[in-house]
Amino acid sequence: MHDKKKDNVVGIGHNSNSNEYGKEQYAKVVNSLHRMLKYSRQELNRVERFLDQAFTKYPFSNPNQPKLKEFEVHESRAEGMRTARKYRASTEKQIAEVEAKAKVLGIELTLKKESEASDED
């Protein structure tokens, strides 16, 4: 039985005896984080592109392309802002879910404590 436990458990932290999680649970966490990071990168690239287009007034910021019309500049900026708001809403939902799960499991989120401390300053 001891060998089976070793194959199915991942120790986390310096005191791994009390912090043991199944590999499936750990894989879920890693996959969730990976998905969120990939989504973040994609959305930030979109925001950057739209806002840069609005600033330079050229499609994909390429001066060899015909200059954007005034309404296209405003549309590009609006799309960048809309994408940023959509991303923010998505991450706020994810953060709320993580905080709720952490509270249920009695996990103290250090990043949350740091942000609350900085809000007080």
N, C-alpha and C. Protein backbone atom coordinates (compact mmCIF):
# COMPACT_ATOMS: atom_id res chain seq x y z
N MET A 1 0.83 -1.19 0.00
CA MET A 1 0.00 0.00 0.00
C MET A 1 0.87 1.25 0.00
N HIS A 2 2.00 1.18 0.67
CA HIS A 2 2.89 2.33 0.73
C HIS A 2 3.41 2.71 -0.66
N ASP A 3 3.72 1.70 -1.50
CA ASP A 3 4.19 1.97 -2.86
C ASP A 3 3.11 2.64 -3.70
N LYS A 4 1.87 2.22 -3.55
CA LYS A 4 0.77 2.80 -4.31
C LYS A 4 0.61 4.27 -3.95
N LYS A 5 0.72 4.58 -2.68
CA LYS A 5 0.58 5.96 -2.24
C LYS A 5 1.68 6.83 -2.85
N LYS A 6 2.89 6.33 -2.92
CA LYS A 6 3.99 7.10 -3.50
C LYS A 6 3.74 7.41 -4.97
N ASP A 7 3.12 6.49 -5.70
CA ASP A 7 2.89 6.70 -7.13
C ASP A 7 1.78 7.70 -7.40
N ASN A 8 0.88 7.89 -6.46
CA ASN A 8 -0.31 8.69 -6.71
C ASN A 8 -0.30 10.01 -5.95
N VAL A 9 0.78 10.38 -5.29
CA VAL A 9 0.77 11.56 -4.43
C VAL A 9 1.91 12.49 -4.80
N VAL A 10 1.61 13.77 -4.77
CA VAL A 10 2.60 14.80 -5.02
C VAL A 10 2.74 15.61 -3.75
N GLY A 11 3.95 15.74 -3.23
CA GLY A 11 4.18 16.57 -2.05
C GLY A 11 4.46 18.00 -2.48
N ILE A 12 3.83 18.94 -1.80
CA ILE A 12 4.00 20.35 -2.13
C ILE A 12 4.54 21.07 -0.90
N GLY A 13 5.60 21.82 -1.06
CA GLY A 13 6.14 22.60 0.04
C GLY A 13 7.19 21.83 0.81
N HIS A 14 7.76 22.50 1.81
CA HIS A 14 8.83 21.89 2.60
C HIS A 14 8.30 20.84 3.57
N ASN A 15 7.03 20.91 3.90
CA ASN A 15 6.43 19.93 4.81
C ASN A 15 5.46 19.08 3.99
N SER A 16 5.99 18.28 3.09
CA SER A 16 5.15 17.58 2.12
C SER A 16 4.27 16.50 2.73
N ASN A 17 4.56 16.06 3.96
CA ASN A 17 3.73 15.02 4.57
C ASN A 17 2.31 15.54 4.83
N SER A 18 2.16 16.81 5.21
CA SER A 18 0.83 17.33 5.49
C SER A 18 0.19 17.97 4.26
N ASN A 19 0.93 18.15 3.18
CA ASN A 19 0.42 18.78 1.97
C ASN A 19 0.45 17.81 0.80
N GLU A 20 -0.23 16.72 0.91
CA GLU A 20 -0.21 15.73 -0.16
C GLU A 20 -1.49 15.81 -0.97
N TYR A 21 -1.31 15.85 -2.27
CA TYR A 21 -2.43 15.93 -3.19
C TYR A 21 -2.26 14.84 -4.23
N GLY A 22 -3.38 14.34 -4.74
CA GLY A 22 -3.31 13.36 -5.81
C GLY A 22 -2.78 13.99 -7.08
N LYS A 23 -2.14 13.19 -7.92
CA LYS A 23 -1.59 13.71 -9.17
C LYS A 23 -2.70 14.28 -10.06
N GLU A 24 -3.89 13.68 -10.00
CA GLU A 24 -5.00 14.18 -10.81
C GLU A 24 -5.39 15.58 -10.36
N GLN A 25 -5.45 15.82 -9.05
CA GLN A 25 -5.79 17.15 -8.54
C GLN A 25 -4.72 18.16 -8.94
N TYR A 26 -3.48 17.77 -8.81
CA TYR A 26 -2.37 18.65 -9.16
C TYR A 26 -2.39 18.95 -10.66
N ALA A 27 -2.69 17.94 -11.46
CA ALA A 27 -2.77 18.13 -12.92
C ALA A 27 -3.89 19.10 -13.26
N LYS A 28 -5.03 19.04 -12.56
CA LYS A 28 -6.12 19.97 -12.79
C LYS A 28 -5.70 21.40 -12.51
N VAL A 29 -4.98 21.59 -11.41
CA VAL A 29 -4.52 22.93 -11.05
C VAL A 29 -3.57 23.47 -12.11
N VAL A 30 -2.62 22.65 -12.51
CA VAL A 30 -1.63 23.06 -13.50
C VAL A 30 -2.31 23.36 -14.83
N ASN A 31 -3.23 22.50 -15.25
CA ASN A 31 -3.94 22.73 -16.51
C ASN A 31 -4.79 24.00 -16.46
N SER A 32 -5.43 24.24 -15.35
CA SER A 32 -6.24 25.45 -15.20
C SER A 32 -5.37 26.69 -15.28
N LEU A 33 -4.25 26.66 -14.59
CA LEU A 33 -3.32 27.79 -14.63
C LEU A 33 -2.78 27.99 -16.05
N HIS A 34 -2.43 26.91 -16.72
CA HIS A 34 -1.91 26.99 -18.08
C HIS A 34 -2.94 27.61 -19.02
N ARG A 35 -4.20 27.15 -18.93
CA ARG A 35 -5.26 27.70 -19.76
C ARG A 35 -5.43 29.20 -19.51
N MET A 36 -5.42 29.59 -18.24
CA MET A 36 -5.61 31.00 -17.90
C MET A 36 -4.45 31.85 -18.42
N LEU A 37 -3.24 31.34 -18.32
CA LEU A 37 -2.09 32.09 -18.82
C LEU A 37 -2.13 32.24 -20.34
N LYS A 38 -2.50 31.16 -21.05
CA LYS A 38 -2.59 31.23 -22.50
C LYS A 38 -3.69 32.22 -22.92
N TYR A 39 -4.84 32.16 -22.22
CA TYR A 39 -5.94 33.07 -22.51
C TYR A 39 -5.50 34.52 -22.23
N SER A 40 -4.79 34.72 -21.14
CA SER A 40 -4.30 36.06 -20.79
C SER A 40 -3.41 36.61 -21.89
N ARG A 41 -2.49 35.80 -22.32
CA ARG A 41 -1.56 36.25 -23.37
C ARG A 41 -2.31 36.61 -24.64
N GLN A 42 -3.26 35.77 -25.03
CA GLN A 42 -4.04 36.01 -26.24
C GLN A 42 -4.83 37.32 -26.13
N GLU A 43 -5.52 37.52 -25.03
CA GLU A 43 -6.34 38.71 -24.87
C GLU A 43 -5.50 39.97 -24.77
N LEU A 44 -4.38 39.91 -24.08
CA LEU A 44 -3.51 41.08 -23.99
C LEU A 44 -2.91 41.42 -25.35
N ASN A 45 -2.60 40.42 -26.16
CA ASN A 45 -2.12 40.68 -27.52
C ASN A 45 -3.19 41.40 -28.35
N ARG A 46 -4.44 40.97 -28.19
CA ARG A 46 -5.54 41.62 -28.92
C ARG A 46 -5.70 43.07 -28.48
N VAL A 47 -5.69 43.29 -27.18
CA VAL A 47 -5.83 44.66 -26.67
C VAL A 47 -4.70 45.53 -27.19
N GLU A 48 -3.48 45.01 -27.11
CA GLU A 48 -2.32 45.76 -27.58
C GLU A 48 -2.45 46.11 -29.07
N ARG A 49 -2.88 45.15 -29.86
CA ARG A 49 -3.01 45.39 -31.30
C ARG A 49 -4.05 46.46 -31.59
N PHE A 50 -5.24 46.35 -30.98
CA PHE A 50 -6.29 47.33 -31.25
C PHE A 50 -5.91 48.73 -30.77
N LEU A 51 -5.33 48.83 -29.59
CA LEU A 51 -4.96 50.14 -29.09
C LEU A 51 -3.79 50.72 -29.88
N ASP A 52 -2.86 49.88 -30.31
CA ASP A 52 -1.75 50.35 -31.12
C ASP A 52 -2.24 50.83 -32.48
N GLN A 53 -3.19 50.12 -33.07
CA GLN A 53 -3.78 50.56 -34.33
C GLN A 53 -4.45 51.91 -34.17
N ALA A 54 -5.15 52.08 -33.06
CA ALA A 54 -5.83 53.36 -32.82
C ALA A 54 -4.81 54.48 -32.65
N PHE A 55 -3.69 54.19 -32.05
CA PHE A 55 -2.66 55.20 -31.83
C PHE A 55 -1.93 55.56 -33.12
N THR A 56 -1.51 54.53 -33.89
CA THR A 56 -0.73 54.78 -35.10
C THR A 56 -1.60 55.12 -36.31
N LYS A 57 -2.87 54.74 -36.25
CA LYS A 57 -3.84 54.96 -37.33
C LYS A 57 -3.53 54.14 -38.58
N TYR A 58 -2.81 53.02 -38.38
CA TYR A 58 -2.53 52.09 -39.48
C TYR A 58 -2.92 50.69 -39.06
N PRO A 59 -3.46 49.87 -40.00
CA PRO A 59 -3.79 48.48 -39.67
C PRO A 59 -2.54 47.72 -39.22
N PHE A 60 -2.64 47.05 -38.13
CA PHE A 60 -1.53 46.28 -37.55
C PHE A 60 -0.28 47.15 -37.38
N SER A 61 -0.48 48.46 -37.24
CA SER A 61 0.61 49.43 -37.03
C SER A 61 1.64 49.40 -38.15
N ASN A 62 1.21 49.04 -39.33
CA ASN A 62 2.09 48.92 -40.49
C ASN A 62 1.94 50.16 -41.37
N PRO A 63 2.95 51.04 -41.42
CA PRO A 63 2.82 52.27 -42.22
C PRO A 63 2.77 52.01 -43.73
N ASN A 64 3.03 50.80 -44.17
CA ASN A 64 2.92 50.47 -45.59
C ASN A 64 1.48 50.19 -46.01
N GLN A 65 0.59 50.09 -45.05
CA GLN A 65 -0.83 49.88 -45.32
C GLN A 65 -1.52 51.24 -45.45
N PRO A 66 -2.68 51.27 -46.11
CA PRO A 66 -3.41 52.54 -46.17
C PRO A 66 -3.84 52.96 -44.76
N LYS A 67 -3.81 54.24 -44.53
CA LYS A 67 -4.15 54.78 -43.22
C LYS A 67 -5.62 54.48 -42.91
N LEU A 68 -5.90 54.20 -41.62
CA LEU A 68 -7.27 53.93 -41.19
C LEU A 68 -8.09 55.22 -41.27
N LYS A 69 -9.37 55.04 -41.59
CA LYS A 69 -10.29 56.18 -41.56
C LYS A 69 -10.58 56.52 -40.10
N GLU A 70 -11.07 57.72 -39.88
CA GLU A 70 -11.31 58.19 -38.51
C GLU A 70 -12.23 57.25 -37.73
N PHE A 71 -13.31 56.77 -38.36
CA PHE A 71 -14.22 55.87 -37.66
C PHE A 71 -13.55 54.53 -37.34
N GLU A 72 -12.62 54.08 -38.21
CA GLU A 72 -11.90 52.83 -37.96
C GLU A 72 -10.95 52.96 -36.77
N VAL A 73 -10.37 54.14 -36.61
CA VAL A 73 -9.52 54.40 -35.46
C VAL A 73 -10.34 54.28 -34.18
N HIS A 74 -11.52 54.90 -34.18
CA HIS A 74 -12.38 54.84 -33.00
C HIS A 74 -12.89 53.42 -32.76
N GLU A 75 -13.20 52.68 -33.83
CA GLU A 75 -13.63 51.29 -33.69
C GLU A 75 -12.51 50.43 -33.12
N SER A 76 -11.29 50.66 -33.57
CA SER A 76 -10.15 49.89 -33.07
C SER A 76 -9.95 50.14 -31.58
N ARG A 77 -10.00 51.40 -31.18
CA ARG A 77 -9.86 51.73 -29.76
C ARG A 77 -11.00 51.11 -28.95
N ALA A 78 -12.22 51.23 -29.46
CA ALA A 78 -13.37 50.67 -28.75
C ALA A 78 -13.25 49.15 -28.62
N GLU A 79 -12.77 48.48 -29.67
CA GLU A 79 -12.60 47.03 -29.61
C GLU A 79 -11.53 46.64 -28.60
N GLY A 80 -10.45 47.41 -28.54
CA GLY A 80 -9.42 47.17 -27.54
C GLY A 80 -9.96 47.33 -26.13
N MET A 81 -10.72 48.37 -25.91
CA MET A 81 -11.31 48.61 -24.58
C MET A 81 -12.33 47.53 -24.24
N ARG A 82 -13.13 47.13 -25.22
CA ARG A 82 -14.14 46.08 -25.00
C ARG A 82 -13.46 44.76 -24.64
N THR A 83 -12.39 44.43 -25.35
CA THR A 83 -11.65 43.20 -25.07
C THR A 83 -11.06 43.25 -23.66
N ALA A 84 -10.52 44.40 -23.28
CA ALA A 84 -9.96 44.55 -21.94
C ALA A 84 -11.03 44.37 -20.87
N ARG A 85 -12.22 44.95 -21.08
CA ARG A 85 -13.31 44.80 -20.11
C ARG A 85 -13.77 43.34 -20.02
N LYS A 86 -13.87 42.67 -21.18
CA LYS A 86 -14.28 41.27 -21.21
C LYS A 86 -13.26 40.40 -20.47
N TYR A 87 -12.00 40.68 -20.70
CA TYR A 87 -10.95 39.93 -20.01
C TYR A 87 -11.01 40.18 -18.50
N ARG A 88 -11.20 41.42 -18.11
CA ARG A 88 -11.28 41.75 -16.69
C ARG A 88 -12.45 41.02 -16.03
N ALA A 89 -13.59 40.99 -16.70
CA ALA A 89 -14.76 40.29 -16.15
C ALA A 89 -14.48 38.80 -16.00
N SER A 90 -13.82 38.23 -16.99
CA SER A 90 -13.49 36.81 -16.95
C SER A 90 -12.54 36.51 -15.79
N THR A 91 -11.52 37.33 -15.64
CA THR A 91 -10.56 37.07 -14.56
C THR A 91 -11.18 37.33 -13.20
N GLU A 92 -12.06 38.31 -13.09
CA GLU A 92 -12.73 38.55 -11.80
C GLU A 92 -13.57 37.34 -11.40
N LYS A 93 -14.22 36.72 -12.39
CA LYS A 93 -15.01 35.51 -12.12
C LYS A 93 -14.08 34.38 -11.65
N GLN A 94 -12.96 34.19 -12.35
CA GLN A 94 -12.00 33.15 -11.97
C GLN A 94 -11.43 33.40 -10.58
N ILE A 95 -11.10 34.65 -10.29
CA ILE A 95 -10.55 35.00 -8.98
C ILE A 95 -11.57 34.71 -7.88
N ALA A 96 -12.82 35.08 -8.11
CA ALA A 96 -13.87 34.83 -7.12
C ALA A 96 -14.02 33.33 -6.86
N GLU A 97 -13.97 32.51 -7.92
CA GLU A 97 -14.08 31.06 -7.77
C GLU A 97 -12.91 30.50 -6.96
N VAL A 98 -11.70 30.95 -7.27
CA VAL A 98 -10.52 30.49 -6.55
C VAL A 98 -10.60 30.90 -5.08
N GLU A 99 -11.00 32.14 -4.82
CA GLU A 99 -11.11 32.61 -3.44
C GLU A 99 -12.17 31.83 -2.66
N ALA A 100 -13.30 31.52 -3.32
CA ALA A 100 -14.34 30.75 -2.65
C ALA A 100 -13.86 29.34 -2.32
N LYS A 101 -13.16 28.69 -3.28
CA LYS A 101 -12.64 27.35 -3.03
C LYS A 101 -11.59 27.37 -1.93
N ALA A 102 -10.75 28.39 -1.94
CA ALA A 102 -9.72 28.50 -0.91
C ALA A 102 -10.35 28.67 0.46
N LYS A 103 -11.40 29.47 0.53
CA LYS A 103 -12.07 29.70 1.82
C LYS A 103 -12.68 28.40 2.35
N VAL A 104 -13.33 27.65 1.46
CA VAL A 104 -13.93 26.37 1.85
C VAL A 104 -12.88 25.40 2.36
N LEU A 105 -11.72 25.38 1.69
CA LEU A 105 -10.66 24.46 2.07
C LEU A 105 -9.76 25.00 3.18
N GLY A 106 -10.01 26.23 3.61
CA GLY A 106 -9.19 26.82 4.67
C GLY A 106 -7.80 27.21 4.21
N ILE A 107 -7.66 27.53 2.94
CA ILE A 107 -6.37 27.93 2.38
C ILE A 107 -6.26 29.44 2.44
N GLU A 108 -5.15 29.92 2.99
CA GLU A 108 -4.92 31.35 3.08
C GLU A 108 -4.23 31.82 1.81
N LEU A 109 -4.83 32.76 1.12
CA LEU A 109 -4.25 33.29 -0.12
C LEU A 109 -3.35 34.47 0.21
N THR A 110 -2.06 34.29 0.01
CA THR A 110 -1.11 35.34 0.38
C THR A 110 -1.23 36.56 -0.53
N LEU A 111 -1.50 36.36 -1.80
CA LEU A 111 -1.63 37.48 -2.71
C LEU A 111 -2.81 38.36 -2.32
N LYS A 112 -3.90 37.75 -1.88
CA LYS A 112 -5.07 38.50 -1.46
C LYS A 112 -4.74 39.35 -0.24
N LYS A 113 -3.98 38.79 0.70
CA LYS A 113 -3.60 39.53 1.89
C LYS A 113 -2.73 40.73 1.53
N GLU A 114 -1.81 40.54 0.57
CA GLU A 114 -0.93 41.63 0.14
C GLU A 114 -1.73 42.74 -0.52
N SER A 115 -2.70 42.40 -1.35
CA SER A 115 -3.49 43.44 -2.03
C SER A 115 -4.38 44.18 -1.04
N GLU A 116 -4.90 43.49 -0.02
CA GLU A 116 -5.69 44.17 1.00
C GLU A 116 -4.83 45.12 1.80
N ALA A 117 -3.59 44.73 2.09
CA ALA A 117 -2.68 45.59 2.84
C ALA A 117 -2.34 46.83 2.02
N SER A 118 -2.15 46.69 0.71
CA SER A 118 -1.82 47.84 -0.13
C SER A 118 -3.03 48.76 -0.31
N ASP A 119 -4.26 48.22 -0.21
CA ASP A 119 -5.47 49.04 -0.30
C ASP A 119 -5.60 49.95 0.91
N GLU A 120 -5.08 49.52 2.04
CA GLU A 120 -5.18 50.31 3.27
C GLU A 120 -4.23 51.50 3.25
N ASP A 121 -3.14 51.43 2.48
CA ASP A 121 -2.14 52.52 2.44
C ASP A 121 -2.65 53.75 1.78
